[in-house]
N, C-alpha and C. Protein backbone atom coordinates (compact mmCIF):
# COMPACT_ATOMS: atom_id res chain seq x y z
N MET A 1 -20.16 -113.62 -122.37
CA MET A 1 -20.39 -112.34 -121.82
C MET A 1 -20.51 -111.21 -122.93
N SER A 2 -21.56 -110.39 -122.73
CA SER A 2 -21.76 -109.39 -123.95
C SER A 2 -21.78 -108.06 -123.03
N PRO A 3 -21.34 -106.94 -123.74
CA PRO A 3 -21.54 -105.56 -123.02
C PRO A 3 -22.90 -105.21 -122.40
N GLY A 4 -22.86 -104.60 -121.32
CA GLY A 4 -24.08 -104.04 -120.69
C GLY A 4 -23.92 -102.57 -120.41
N ASP A 5 -24.74 -102.22 -119.50
CA ASP A 5 -24.75 -100.89 -118.78
C ASP A 5 -23.83 -100.74 -117.50
N ILE A 6 -22.87 -100.00 -117.50
CA ILE A 6 -21.95 -99.54 -116.40
C ILE A 6 -23.15 -98.98 -115.39
N ASP A 7 -22.91 -99.46 -114.23
CA ASP A 7 -23.86 -98.99 -113.11
C ASP A 7 -23.27 -97.88 -112.23
N LEU A 8 -23.83 -96.69 -112.76
CA LEU A 8 -23.25 -95.56 -112.05
C LEU A 8 -23.23 -95.67 -110.37
N LYS A 9 -24.16 -96.31 -109.94
CA LYS A 9 -24.21 -96.28 -108.45
C LYS A 9 -23.10 -97.21 -107.99
N VAL A 10 -22.66 -98.31 -108.81
CA VAL A 10 -21.54 -98.99 -108.22
C VAL A 10 -20.29 -98.27 -108.19
N ILE A 11 -20.06 -97.49 -109.46
CA ILE A 11 -18.96 -96.51 -109.38
C ILE A 11 -18.92 -95.40 -108.28
N ALA A 12 -19.95 -94.77 -108.26
CA ALA A 12 -20.09 -93.91 -107.18
C ALA A 12 -20.06 -94.31 -105.62
N GLN A 13 -20.26 -95.64 -105.37
CA GLN A 13 -20.06 -96.18 -104.23
C GLN A 13 -18.66 -96.54 -103.86
N ARG A 14 -18.02 -96.96 -104.90
CA ARG A 14 -16.50 -97.23 -104.81
C ARG A 14 -15.86 -95.92 -104.66
N ALA A 15 -16.04 -94.85 -105.46
CA ALA A 15 -15.51 -93.71 -105.25
C ALA A 15 -15.75 -93.17 -103.91
N PHE A 16 -16.86 -93.31 -103.39
CA PHE A 16 -17.05 -92.78 -102.12
C PHE A 16 -16.23 -93.23 -101.02
N TRP A 17 -16.12 -94.52 -101.36
CA TRP A 17 -15.30 -95.65 -100.38
C TRP A 17 -13.84 -95.23 -100.43
N ILE A 18 -13.28 -94.82 -101.62
CA ILE A 18 -11.93 -94.48 -101.78
C ILE A 18 -11.73 -93.15 -100.93
N SER A 19 -12.64 -92.24 -101.21
CA SER A 19 -12.63 -90.92 -100.53
C SER A 19 -12.50 -91.09 -99.01
N GLN A 20 -13.51 -92.10 -98.59
CA GLN A 20 -13.43 -92.20 -96.87
C GLN A 20 -12.06 -92.66 -96.65
N MET A 21 -11.61 -93.59 -97.15
CA MET A 21 -10.41 -94.36 -96.88
C MET A 21 -9.23 -93.29 -96.66
N MET A 22 -9.25 -92.40 -97.92
CA MET A 22 -8.25 -91.34 -98.11
C MET A 22 -8.37 -90.55 -96.96
N ASP A 23 -9.58 -90.08 -96.58
CA ASP A 23 -9.61 -89.21 -95.30
C ASP A 23 -9.02 -89.83 -94.01
N SER A 24 -9.45 -91.09 -93.90
CA SER A 24 -8.93 -92.00 -92.93
C SER A 24 -7.49 -91.97 -92.60
N LEU A 25 -6.80 -92.19 -94.11
CA LEU A 25 -5.34 -92.00 -94.06
C LEU A 25 -4.76 -90.60 -93.66
N LYS A 26 -5.46 -89.67 -93.90
CA LYS A 26 -5.01 -88.31 -93.64
C LYS A 26 -5.14 -88.17 -92.13
N ASP A 27 -6.24 -88.61 -91.54
CA ASP A 27 -6.47 -88.27 -90.17
C ASP A 27 -5.28 -89.16 -89.47
N LEU A 28 -4.47 -90.01 -89.80
CA LEU A 28 -3.35 -90.67 -89.35
C LEU A 28 -2.12 -89.63 -88.99
N ARG A 29 -2.31 -88.45 -89.57
CA ARG A 29 -1.19 -87.46 -89.56
C ARG A 29 0.27 -88.01 -90.03
N LEU A 30 0.11 -88.30 -91.30
CA LEU A 30 1.35 -88.95 -91.96
C LEU A 30 2.39 -87.91 -91.94
N GLU A 31 2.26 -86.71 -91.86
CA GLU A 31 3.18 -85.68 -92.08
C GLU A 31 4.18 -85.72 -90.68
N GLU A 32 3.55 -86.49 -89.68
CA GLU A 32 4.50 -86.68 -88.41
C GLU A 32 5.20 -88.02 -88.29
N LYS A 33 6.28 -88.12 -89.23
CA LYS A 33 6.78 -89.43 -89.42
C LYS A 33 7.24 -90.28 -88.13
N THR A 34 7.82 -89.46 -87.32
CA THR A 34 8.30 -90.31 -86.03
C THR A 34 7.18 -90.78 -85.16
N ALA A 35 6.16 -89.99 -85.10
CA ALA A 35 5.01 -90.54 -84.44
C ALA A 35 4.32 -91.57 -85.03
N PHE A 36 4.22 -91.67 -86.44
CA PHE A 36 3.62 -92.47 -87.17
C PHE A 36 4.28 -94.04 -86.93
N LEU A 37 5.56 -93.77 -87.23
CA LEU A 37 6.44 -95.05 -87.33
C LEU A 37 6.49 -95.66 -85.85
N SER A 38 6.16 -95.08 -84.77
CA SER A 38 6.29 -95.57 -83.44
C SER A 38 5.04 -95.99 -83.02
N ASP A 39 4.04 -96.01 -83.84
CA ASP A 39 2.66 -96.25 -83.44
C ASP A 39 2.35 -97.52 -84.44
N ARG A 40 2.17 -98.62 -83.82
CA ARG A 40 1.92 -99.74 -84.47
C ARG A 40 0.56 -99.88 -84.82
N HIS A 41 -0.34 -99.12 -84.34
CA HIS A 41 -1.86 -99.22 -84.52
C HIS A 41 -2.01 -98.23 -85.79
N LYS A 42 -1.19 -97.21 -85.98
CA LYS A 42 -1.38 -96.31 -87.13
C LYS A 42 -0.91 -96.87 -88.27
N ILE A 43 0.27 -97.97 -88.16
CA ILE A 43 0.95 -98.48 -89.21
C ILE A 43 -0.28 -99.55 -89.75
N ALA A 44 -0.69 -100.26 -88.85
CA ALA A 44 -1.83 -101.27 -89.23
C ALA A 44 -2.93 -100.55 -89.99
N ALA A 45 -3.34 -99.52 -89.38
CA ALA A 45 -4.61 -98.77 -89.73
C ALA A 45 -4.08 -98.29 -91.48
N ALA A 46 -2.95 -97.74 -91.49
CA ALA A 46 -2.49 -97.19 -92.79
C ALA A 46 -2.39 -98.47 -93.80
N GLU A 47 -1.92 -99.49 -93.53
CA GLU A 47 -2.00 -100.60 -94.28
C GLU A 47 -3.50 -100.99 -94.75
N SER A 48 -4.17 -101.19 -93.77
CA SER A 48 -5.61 -101.51 -94.07
C SER A 48 -6.26 -100.58 -95.04
N TYR A 49 -6.26 -99.07 -94.64
CA TYR A 49 -6.79 -98.09 -95.44
C TYR A 49 -6.11 -98.15 -96.98
N LEU A 50 -5.02 -98.40 -97.11
CA LEU A 50 -4.23 -98.46 -98.45
C LEU A 50 -4.79 -99.37 -99.31
N ARG A 51 -4.78 -100.71 -98.67
CA ARG A 51 -5.24 -101.84 -99.26
C ARG A 51 -6.58 -101.82 -99.88
N ARG A 52 -7.43 -101.33 -98.97
CA ARG A 52 -8.75 -100.96 -99.23
C ARG A 52 -9.21 -100.08 -100.27
N VAL A 53 -8.24 -98.95 -100.46
CA VAL A 53 -8.30 -97.88 -101.45
C VAL A 53 -7.90 -98.54 -102.82
N LEU A 54 -6.95 -99.36 -102.71
CA LEU A 54 -6.58 -100.00 -104.08
C LEU A 54 -7.44 -100.99 -104.50
N GLU A 55 -7.98 -101.74 -103.64
CA GLU A 55 -8.93 -102.90 -103.95
C GLU A 55 -10.25 -102.16 -104.54
N ALA A 56 -10.56 -101.09 -103.97
CA ALA A 56 -11.79 -100.26 -104.68
C ALA A 56 -11.69 -99.54 -105.84
N LEU A 57 -10.41 -99.01 -106.15
CA LEU A 57 -9.92 -98.53 -107.22
C LEU A 57 -10.06 -99.58 -108.56
N PHE A 58 -9.67 -100.77 -108.18
CA PHE A 58 -9.53 -101.80 -109.28
C PHE A 58 -11.13 -102.48 -109.27
N ASP A 59 -11.88 -102.47 -108.37
CA ASP A 59 -13.27 -102.64 -108.40
C ASP A 59 -13.80 -101.93 -109.42
N ILE A 60 -13.66 -100.69 -109.42
CA ILE A 60 -14.04 -99.69 -110.36
C ILE A 60 -13.69 -100.07 -111.89
N GLY A 61 -12.43 -100.29 -112.06
CA GLY A 61 -11.90 -100.65 -113.16
C GLY A 61 -12.43 -101.95 -113.73
N ARG A 62 -12.67 -103.07 -112.87
CA ARG A 62 -13.24 -104.29 -113.20
C ARG A 62 -14.45 -104.08 -113.60
N HIS A 63 -15.47 -103.23 -112.77
CA HIS A 63 -16.79 -103.00 -113.27
C HIS A 63 -16.90 -102.48 -114.63
N ILE A 64 -16.10 -101.40 -114.77
CA ILE A 64 -16.14 -100.81 -116.38
C ILE A 64 -15.79 -101.77 -117.22
N LEU A 65 -14.75 -102.59 -117.18
CA LEU A 65 -14.41 -103.60 -118.10
C LEU A 65 -15.56 -104.71 -118.43
N ALA A 66 -16.07 -105.05 -117.42
CA ALA A 66 -17.07 -106.29 -117.31
C ALA A 66 -18.18 -105.67 -118.03
N LYS A 67 -18.74 -104.69 -117.42
CA LYS A 67 -20.05 -104.25 -118.07
C LYS A 67 -19.98 -103.45 -119.20
N GLY A 68 -19.03 -102.63 -119.44
CA GLY A 68 -18.86 -101.95 -120.66
C GLY A 68 -18.28 -102.60 -121.83
N PHE A 69 -17.47 -103.46 -121.72
CA PHE A 69 -16.39 -104.09 -122.63
C PHE A 69 -16.77 -105.66 -122.69
N ALA A 70 -17.48 -106.18 -121.77
CA ALA A 70 -17.55 -107.65 -121.65
C ALA A 70 -16.12 -108.13 -121.59
N PHE A 71 -15.13 -107.65 -120.76
CA PHE A 71 -14.04 -107.88 -120.68
C PHE A 71 -13.63 -108.52 -119.23
N PRO A 72 -13.57 -109.76 -119.12
CA PRO A 72 -13.60 -110.56 -117.82
C PRO A 72 -12.24 -110.54 -117.04
N ALA A 73 -11.82 -109.38 -116.57
CA ALA A 73 -10.55 -109.32 -116.06
C ALA A 73 -10.51 -109.71 -114.56
N THR A 74 -9.65 -110.85 -114.03
CA THR A 74 -9.74 -111.29 -112.75
C THR A 74 -8.54 -110.93 -112.12
N GLU A 75 -7.40 -110.57 -112.49
CA GLU A 75 -6.27 -110.17 -111.97
C GLU A 75 -6.15 -108.79 -111.97
N TYR A 76 -5.64 -107.81 -110.94
CA TYR A 76 -5.48 -106.66 -110.90
C TYR A 76 -4.64 -105.96 -112.14
N LYS A 77 -3.53 -106.86 -112.47
CA LYS A 77 -2.68 -106.17 -113.52
C LYS A 77 -3.55 -106.20 -114.89
N GLU A 78 -4.29 -107.44 -115.04
CA GLU A 78 -5.25 -107.38 -116.26
C GLU A 78 -6.27 -106.26 -116.30
N ILE A 79 -6.74 -105.97 -115.22
CA ILE A 79 -7.67 -104.68 -115.18
C ILE A 79 -6.97 -103.27 -115.83
N ALA A 80 -5.57 -103.14 -115.44
CA ALA A 80 -5.01 -101.92 -115.96
C ALA A 80 -4.53 -102.20 -117.52
N LYS A 81 -4.34 -103.25 -117.84
CA LYS A 81 -4.21 -103.47 -119.17
C LYS A 81 -5.44 -103.42 -119.83
N GLY A 82 -6.43 -103.92 -119.55
CA GLY A 82 -7.77 -103.91 -120.24
C GLY A 82 -8.20 -102.42 -120.24
N LEU A 83 -7.90 -101.61 -119.23
CA LEU A 83 -8.40 -100.22 -119.34
C LEU A 83 -7.71 -99.55 -120.44
N SER A 84 -6.42 -99.74 -120.54
CA SER A 84 -5.56 -99.17 -121.65
C SER A 84 -6.05 -99.62 -123.00
N GLU A 85 -6.31 -101.02 -123.15
CA GLU A 85 -6.52 -101.63 -124.54
C GLU A 85 -7.88 -101.10 -124.95
N ASN A 86 -8.72 -100.68 -124.14
CA ASN A 86 -10.11 -100.29 -124.21
C ASN A 86 -10.24 -98.74 -124.17
N LYS A 87 -9.22 -98.00 -124.06
CA LYS A 87 -9.02 -96.50 -124.12
C LYS A 87 -9.91 -95.85 -123.24
N VAL A 88 -9.92 -96.55 -121.95
CA VAL A 88 -10.48 -95.79 -120.88
C VAL A 88 -9.33 -94.95 -120.13
N LEU A 89 -8.06 -95.73 -120.13
CA LEU A 89 -6.98 -94.82 -119.68
C LEU A 89 -5.85 -94.88 -120.70
N ILE A 90 -5.03 -93.81 -120.78
CA ILE A 90 -3.94 -93.77 -121.66
C ILE A 90 -2.78 -94.53 -121.12
N GLU A 91 -1.90 -95.07 -121.97
CA GLU A 91 -0.88 -96.07 -121.60
C GLU A 91 -0.20 -95.59 -120.21
N LYS A 92 0.19 -94.42 -120.15
CA LYS A 92 1.01 -93.90 -118.86
C LYS A 92 0.13 -94.06 -117.68
N GLU A 93 -1.05 -93.89 -117.68
CA GLU A 93 -2.12 -94.03 -116.65
C GLU A 93 -2.39 -95.51 -116.18
N ALA A 94 -2.52 -96.27 -117.46
CA ALA A 94 -2.33 -97.89 -117.09
C ALA A 94 -1.25 -98.32 -116.33
N GLU A 95 -0.10 -97.73 -116.95
CA GLU A 95 1.12 -98.19 -116.29
C GLU A 95 1.31 -97.93 -114.87
N LEU A 96 0.83 -96.63 -114.44
CA LEU A 96 0.72 -96.40 -113.11
C LEU A 96 -0.42 -97.33 -112.26
N MET A 97 -1.35 -97.58 -112.83
CA MET A 97 -2.29 -98.48 -112.29
C MET A 97 -1.74 -99.89 -112.27
N ARG A 98 -1.01 -100.36 -113.16
CA ARG A 98 -0.33 -101.76 -113.01
C ARG A 98 0.62 -101.69 -111.89
N LYS A 99 1.38 -100.50 -111.64
CA LYS A 99 2.33 -100.62 -110.53
C LYS A 99 1.60 -100.54 -109.22
N MET A 100 0.26 -100.05 -109.25
CA MET A 100 -0.36 -100.12 -107.91
C MET A 100 -0.99 -101.44 -107.77
N ALA A 101 -1.20 -102.28 -108.79
CA ALA A 101 -1.74 -103.50 -108.75
C ALA A 101 -0.49 -104.46 -108.12
N GLY A 102 0.51 -104.24 -108.71
CA GLY A 102 1.88 -104.88 -108.05
C GLY A 102 2.10 -104.55 -106.42
N TYR A 103 1.92 -103.32 -106.08
CA TYR A 103 1.99 -103.02 -104.85
C TYR A 103 0.70 -103.54 -103.79
N ARG A 104 -0.41 -103.58 -104.41
CA ARG A 104 -1.60 -104.17 -103.68
C ARG A 104 -1.11 -105.61 -103.49
N ASN A 105 -0.64 -106.44 -104.55
CA ASN A 105 -0.49 -107.70 -104.38
C ASN A 105 0.63 -108.27 -103.30
N ARG A 106 1.65 -107.03 -103.36
CA ARG A 106 2.64 -107.24 -102.35
C ARG A 106 2.12 -107.26 -100.85
N MET A 107 1.23 -106.23 -100.90
CA MET A 107 0.59 -105.97 -99.37
C MET A 107 0.09 -107.15 -99.06
N VAL A 108 -0.58 -108.08 -99.95
CA VAL A 108 -1.52 -109.22 -99.72
C VAL A 108 -0.62 -110.33 -99.52
N HIS A 109 0.44 -110.74 -100.42
CA HIS A 109 1.04 -111.78 -100.50
C HIS A 109 2.43 -111.93 -99.90
N PHE A 110 2.85 -110.67 -99.95
CA PHE A 110 4.33 -110.45 -99.25
C PHE A 110 4.39 -109.29 -98.34
N TYR A 111 3.43 -109.37 -97.51
CA TYR A 111 3.04 -108.26 -96.46
C TYR A 111 4.61 -108.34 -95.65
N HIS A 112 5.10 -109.23 -95.34
CA HIS A 112 6.32 -109.27 -94.44
C HIS A 112 7.44 -108.61 -95.23
N GLU A 113 7.40 -108.40 -96.35
CA GLU A 113 8.50 -107.60 -96.99
C GLU A 113 8.37 -106.12 -96.83
N ILE A 114 7.12 -105.61 -96.63
CA ILE A 114 6.85 -104.16 -96.66
C ILE A 114 7.19 -103.58 -95.41
N THR A 115 8.12 -102.57 -95.46
CA THR A 115 8.55 -101.92 -94.24
C THR A 115 7.64 -100.83 -93.87
N SER A 116 7.58 -100.38 -92.42
CA SER A 116 6.91 -99.32 -92.10
C SER A 116 7.11 -97.90 -92.83
N GLU A 117 8.50 -98.08 -93.18
CA GLU A 117 8.99 -96.62 -93.82
C GLU A 117 8.52 -96.69 -95.22
N GLU A 118 8.43 -97.77 -95.89
CA GLU A 118 7.98 -97.81 -97.20
C GLU A 118 6.36 -97.48 -97.44
N LEU A 119 5.60 -98.11 -96.35
CA LEU A 119 4.24 -97.59 -96.22
C LEU A 119 3.91 -96.48 -95.94
N HIS A 120 4.91 -95.77 -95.07
CA HIS A 120 4.73 -94.33 -94.73
C HIS A 120 5.02 -93.37 -95.89
N GLU A 121 6.06 -93.83 -96.76
CA GLU A 121 6.18 -93.02 -98.01
C GLU A 121 5.22 -93.11 -98.92
N ILE A 122 4.72 -94.17 -99.11
CA ILE A 122 3.51 -94.42 -100.12
C ILE A 122 2.31 -93.62 -99.63
N CYS A 123 1.91 -93.82 -98.51
CA CYS A 123 0.87 -93.06 -98.04
C CYS A 123 0.88 -91.41 -97.95
N LEU A 124 2.28 -91.01 -97.73
CA LEU A 124 2.52 -89.42 -97.67
C LEU A 124 2.66 -89.11 -98.97
N TYR A 125 3.12 -89.69 -99.85
CA TYR A 125 3.45 -89.06 -101.23
C TYR A 125 2.86 -89.59 -102.55
N HIS A 126 2.08 -90.76 -102.37
CA HIS A 126 1.33 -91.32 -103.60
C HIS A 126 -0.05 -91.45 -103.71
N LEU A 127 -0.75 -90.72 -102.57
CA LEU A 127 -2.15 -90.92 -102.43
C LEU A 127 -2.82 -90.17 -103.80
N ASP A 128 -2.14 -89.01 -103.99
CA ASP A 128 -2.78 -88.07 -104.99
C ASP A 128 -2.80 -88.99 -106.41
N GLU A 129 -1.78 -89.91 -106.68
CA GLU A 129 -1.81 -90.77 -107.75
C GLU A 129 -3.15 -91.48 -107.86
N ILE A 130 -3.46 -92.23 -106.78
CA ILE A 130 -4.79 -93.13 -106.42
C ILE A 130 -5.96 -92.11 -106.96
N LYS A 131 -5.91 -91.00 -106.18
CA LYS A 131 -7.19 -90.13 -106.33
C LYS A 131 -7.23 -89.74 -107.88
N PHE A 132 -6.20 -89.36 -108.47
CA PHE A 132 -6.01 -89.01 -109.76
C PHE A 132 -6.70 -90.13 -110.75
N LEU A 133 -6.36 -91.41 -110.61
CA LEU A 133 -6.92 -92.43 -111.34
C LEU A 133 -8.46 -92.89 -110.82
N SER A 134 -8.67 -92.70 -109.71
CA SER A 134 -10.01 -92.79 -109.43
C SER A 134 -10.91 -91.71 -110.13
N ASP A 135 -10.40 -90.49 -110.04
CA ASP A 135 -11.25 -89.40 -110.68
C ASP A 135 -11.31 -89.65 -112.29
N LYS A 136 -10.13 -90.20 -112.90
CA LYS A 136 -10.23 -90.49 -114.27
C LYS A 136 -11.19 -91.34 -114.67
N LEU A 137 -11.25 -92.51 -113.93
CA LEU A 137 -12.17 -93.41 -114.09
C LEU A 137 -13.84 -93.02 -114.03
N VAL A 138 -14.09 -92.15 -112.81
CA VAL A 138 -15.41 -91.87 -112.63
C VAL A 138 -15.59 -90.84 -113.84
N GLN A 139 -14.75 -89.94 -114.33
CA GLN A 139 -15.09 -88.86 -115.45
C GLN A 139 -15.40 -89.74 -116.67
N TRP A 140 -14.47 -90.73 -116.81
CA TRP A 140 -14.81 -91.44 -118.01
C TRP A 140 -16.18 -91.94 -118.00
N THR A 141 -16.50 -92.65 -117.01
CA THR A 141 -17.80 -93.19 -116.77
C THR A 141 -18.90 -92.36 -116.99
N LYS A 142 -18.78 -91.00 -116.44
CA LYS A 142 -19.94 -90.15 -116.64
C LYS A 142 -20.01 -89.57 -118.12
N ARG A 143 -18.77 -89.53 -118.83
CA ARG A 143 -18.84 -89.03 -120.36
C ARG A 143 -19.67 -90.23 -121.01
N GLN A 144 -19.26 -91.44 -120.72
CA GLN A 144 -20.02 -92.50 -121.46
C GLN A 144 -21.53 -92.40 -121.23
N GLN A 145 -21.99 -92.20 -120.10
CA GLN A 145 -23.18 -92.11 -119.55
C GLN A 145 -24.00 -91.10 -120.30
N SER A 146 -23.39 -90.03 -120.55
CA SER A 146 -23.92 -88.72 -121.24
C SER A 146 -23.90 -88.98 -122.72
N GLY A 147 -23.19 -89.85 -123.26
CA GLY A 147 -23.20 -90.07 -124.55
C GLY A 147 -21.81 -89.28 -125.39
N ALA A 148 -21.18 -88.67 -124.52
CA ALA A 148 -19.87 -87.93 -124.95
C ALA A 148 -18.98 -89.15 -125.51
N THR A 149 -18.14 -88.66 -126.46
CA THR A 149 -17.07 -89.38 -127.14
C THR A 149 -15.73 -88.89 -126.51
N ASP A 150 -14.80 -89.70 -126.47
CA ASP A 150 -13.48 -89.29 -126.16
C ASP A 150 -12.69 -88.76 -127.38
């Protein structure tokens, strides 16, 4: 595998998907904790939206690594590591992304261990971190496409 061109369309599509899913999470009125926790449909929707947001974020990272660096990351934690090693993210940002990878893996493989309260807390207080990393990856890509150096 050799480096190629990062497809801005792919990045933009995934970033748009993240934005849509984040808006859908906000539509669940997360600030109304009792109402949220008593509605199994809201809980299921929140889990689905959050998982999709995380997967789209990692799709952006995987695309950057595969196309920009010929780095074939297959596991989510590898994506975070590769983004740090290739100076797309600083170590602190990559560590945050690594934690998100772990949470996404828990959602998929250990879903029975995630409580509704935990899901609520993450959706209420940590969506800004996902948005932050998404924005960082999009900004990095745009700088690379424009020929700017970091």
